[in-house]
Amino acid sequence: MFASLQSDFGQQFLSERGLETKEFNTMYLWKPGRYYQIKSRAVLEIANLLGGFYKISVVGKILPKFLSDKIYDTISRNRMKLANQKCYLPDQHQKKKFIQV
């Protein structure tokens, strides 16, 4: 499931953990009662969970966190140059995967 950091759920998640509630330039992966991952570690864990071809990203875990987060930050800053400029709204099927839209 997904939630935006700006949503009520996202804001509660951030404030309960003492995380910044006004900056939305990172990604979190949360497994309730077990852990949450930030930035590059979240991306690597998501790729691992997706499986298949994406499992190869596990080699990224050999990089020190400060280095993989630096790569994450660079991609994050330049994501609009790297991807399509359009922002799509979720359809009804996709909305079911969100905690809040």
C-alpha atoms as a PDB file:
ATOM      1  CA  MET A   1       0.000   0.000   0.000  1.00  0.00           C
ATOM      2  CA  PHE A   2       1.061   3.566  -0.600  1.00  0.00           C
ATOM      3  CA  ALA A   3       0.521   6.912   1.119  1.00  0.00           C
ATOM      4  CA  SER A   4       1.818  10.350   0.265  1.00  0.00           C
ATOM      5  CA  LEU A   5       3.896  12.076   2.922  1.00  0.00           C
ATOM      6  CA  GLN A   6       1.553  15.077   2.699  1.00  0.00           C
ATOM      7  CA  SER A   7      -1.509  12.973   3.652  1.00  0.00           C
ATOM      8  CA  ASP A   8      -2.790  12.762   7.234  1.00  0.00           C
ATOM      9  CA  PHE A   9      -1.403   9.224   7.453  1.00  0.00           C
ATOM     10  CA  GLY A  10       1.987  10.326   6.074  1.00  0.00           C
ATOM     11  CA  GLN A  11       2.224  13.272   8.434  1.00  0.00           C
ATOM     12  CA  GLN A  12       1.380  11.058  11.406  1.00  0.00           C
ATOM     13  CA  PHE A  13       3.989   8.495  10.298  1.00  0.00           C
ATOM     14  CA  LEU A  14       6.669  11.197  10.093  1.00  0.00           C
ATOM     15  CA  SER A  15       5.824  12.986  13.334  1.00  0.00           C
ATOM     16  CA  GLU A  16       5.621   9.737  15.363  1.00  0.00           C
ATOM     17  CA  ARG A  17       9.216   9.020  14.341  1.00  0.00           C
ATOM     18  CA  GLY A  18      10.547  12.552  14.778  1.00  0.00           C
ATOM     19  CA  LEU A  19      11.100  12.906  11.018  1.00  0.00           C
ATOM     20  CA  GLU A  20      10.827  16.116   8.974  1.00  0.00           C
ATOM     21  CA  THR A  21       7.160  16.838   8.169  1.00  0.00           C
ATOM     22  CA  LYS A  22       7.655  19.655   5.639  1.00  0.00           C
ATOM     23  CA  GLU A  23      10.115  18.050   3.199  1.00  0.00           C
ATOM     24  CA  PHE A  24       8.781  15.456   0.802  1.00  0.00           C
ATOM     25  CA  ASN A  25      11.885  14.607  -1.207  1.00  0.00           C
ATOM     26  CA  THR A  26      12.482  11.100   0.066  1.00  0.00           C
ATOM     27  CA  MET A  27      10.905   7.683   0.183  1.00  0.00           C
ATOM     28  CA  TYR A  28      10.117   5.521   3.174  1.00  0.00           C
ATOM     29  CA  LEU A  29       9.284   1.825   3.274  1.00  0.00           C
ATOM     30  CA  TRP A  30       7.464   0.759   6.414  1.00  0.00           C
ATOM     31  CA  LYS A  31       6.726  -2.725   7.674  1.00  0.00           C
ATOM     32  CA  PRO A  32       4.524  -2.169  10.758  1.00  0.00           C
ATOM     33  CA  GLY A  33       5.999  -3.489  13.959  1.00  0.00           C
ATOM     34  CA  ARG A  34       9.258  -4.435  12.242  1.00  0.00           C
ATOM     35  CA  TYR A  35      11.143  -1.593  10.525  1.00  0.00           C
ATOM     36  CA  TYR A  36      11.154   1.369   8.256  1.00  0.00           C
ATOM     37  CA  GLN A  37      13.771   2.133   5.616  1.00  0.00           C
ATOM     38  CA  ILE A  38      14.721   5.520   4.177  1.00  0.00           C
ATOM     39  CA  LYS A  39      16.001   6.639   0.756  1.00  0.00           C
ATOM     40  CA  SER A  40      18.330   4.168  -0.946  1.00  0.00           C
ATOM     41  CA  ARG A  41      17.695   1.390   1.550  1.00  0.00           C
ATOM     42  CA  ALA A  42      13.944   1.703   0.907  1.00  0.00           C
ATOM     43  CA  VAL A  43      14.494   1.521  -2.867  1.00  0.00           C
ATOM     44  CA  LEU A  44      16.741  -1.539  -2.547  1.00  0.00           C
ATOM     45  CA  GLU A  45      14.276  -3.332  -0.266  1.00  0.00           C
ATOM     46  CA  ILE A  46      11.354  -2.533  -2.602  1.00  0.00           C
ATOM     47  CA  ALA A  47      13.343  -3.926  -5.541  1.00  0.00           C
ATOM     48  CA  ASN A  48      14.076  -7.052  -3.520  1.00  0.00           C
ATOM     49  CA  LEU A  49      10.384  -7.453  -2.652  1.00  0.00           C
ATOM     50  CA  LEU A  50       9.407  -7.023  -6.316  1.00  0.00           C
ATOM     51  CA  GLY A  51      11.683  -9.928  -7.188  1.00  0.00           C
ATOM     52  CA  GLY A  52      12.508 -11.092 -10.690  1.00  0.00           C
ATOM     53  CA  PHE A  53      14.904  -8.832 -12.570  1.00  0.00           C
ATOM     54  CA  TYR A  54      14.832  -6.275  -9.738  1.00  0.00           C
ATOM     55  CA  LYS A  55      16.416  -8.719  -7.296  1.00  0.00           C
ATOM     56  CA  ILE A  56      19.766  -7.946  -8.901  1.00  0.00           C
ATOM     57  CA  SER A  57      19.665  -4.610  -7.066  1.00  0.00           C
ATOM     58  CA  VAL A  58      20.681  -6.508  -3.927  1.00  0.00           C
ATOM     59  CA  VAL A  59      24.288  -5.827  -4.983  1.00  0.00           C
ATOM     60  CA  GLY A  60      23.576  -2.174  -4.109  1.00  0.00           C
ATOM     61  CA  LYS A  61      23.534  -3.164  -0.452  1.00  0.00           C
ATOM     62  CA  ILE A  62      27.320  -3.596  -0.517  1.00  0.00           C
ATOM     63  CA  LEU A  63      27.681   0.182  -0.891  1.00  0.00           C
ATOM     64  CA  PRO A  64      27.950   2.142   2.347  1.00  0.00           C
ATOM     65  CA  LYS A  65      24.666   3.892   3.187  1.00  0.00           C
ATOM     66  CA  PHE A  66      26.173   7.382   2.870  1.00  0.00           C
ATOM     67  CA  LEU A  67      27.270   6.587  -0.698  1.00  0.00           C
ATOM     68  CA  SER A  68      24.038   4.910  -1.817  1.00  0.00           C
ATOM     69  CA  ASP A  69      22.050   7.788  -0.274  1.00  0.00           C
ATOM     70  CA  LYS A  70      24.227  10.269  -2.191  1.00  0.00           C
ATOM     71  CA  ILE A  71      23.324   8.437  -5.418  1.00  0.00           C
ATOM     72  CA  TYR A  72      19.651   8.429  -4.345  1.00  0.00           C
ATOM     73  CA  ASP A  73      19.760  12.198  -3.675  1.00  0.00           C
ATOM     74  CA  THR A  74      21.343  12.883  -7.086  1.00  0.00           C
ATOM     75  CA  ILE A  75      18.689  10.854  -8.887  1.00  0.00           C
ATOM     76  CA  SER A  76      15.944  12.432  -6.768  1.00  0.00           C
ATOM     77  CA  ARG A  77      17.117  15.971  -7.620  1.00  0.00           C
ATOM     78  CA  ASN A  78      17.248  15.135 -11.327  1.00  0.00           C
ATOM     79  CA  ARG A  79      14.241  12.827 -11.608  1.00  0.00           C
ATOM     80  CA  MET A  80      12.282  15.245 -13.780  1.00  0.00           C
ATOM     81  CA  LYS A  81      15.120  15.233 -16.315  1.00  0.00           C
ATOM     82  CA  LEU A  82      15.311  11.442 -16.207  1.00  0.00           C
ATOM     83  CA  ALA A  83      11.618  10.617 -16.475  1.00  0.00           C
ATOM     84  CA  ASN A  84       8.456  11.725 -18.163  1.00  0.00           C
ATOM     85  CA  GLN A  85       7.369  15.203 -17.044  1.00  0.00           C
ATOM     86  CA  LYS A  86       3.738  14.158 -16.647  1.00  0.00           C
ATOM     87  CA  CYS A  87       2.179  13.487 -13.265  1.00  0.00           C
ATOM     88  CA  TYR A  88      -0.526  10.860 -13.571  1.00  0.00           C
ATOM     89  CA  LEU A  89      -3.424  10.567 -11.190  1.00  0.00           C
ATOM     90  CA  PRO A  90      -4.235   7.051 -10.036  1.00  0.00           C
ATOM     91  CA  ASP A  91      -7.242   5.340 -11.591  1.00  0.00           C
ATOM     92  CA  GLN A  92      -9.875   3.552  -9.453  1.00  0.00           C
ATOM     93  CA  HIS A  93      -7.916   0.265  -9.452  1.00  0.00           C
ATOM     94  CA  GLN A  94      -4.675   2.005  -8.429  1.00  0.00           C
ATOM     95  CA  LYS A  95      -6.434   4.055  -5.715  1.00  0.00           C
ATOM     96  CA  LYS A  96      -7.222   0.800  -3.884  1.00  0.00           C
ATOM     97  CA  LYS A  97      -3.487   0.433  -3.220  1.00  0.00           C
ATOM     98  CA  PHE A  98      -3.264   3.781  -1.436  1.00  0.00           C
ATOM     99  CA  ILE A  99      -3.951   4.333   2.239  1.00  0.00           C
ATOM    100  CA  GLN A 100      -4.922   7.914   1.392  1.00  0.00           C
ATOM    101  CA  VAL A 101      -4.987   9.738  -1.943  1.00  0.00           C
END
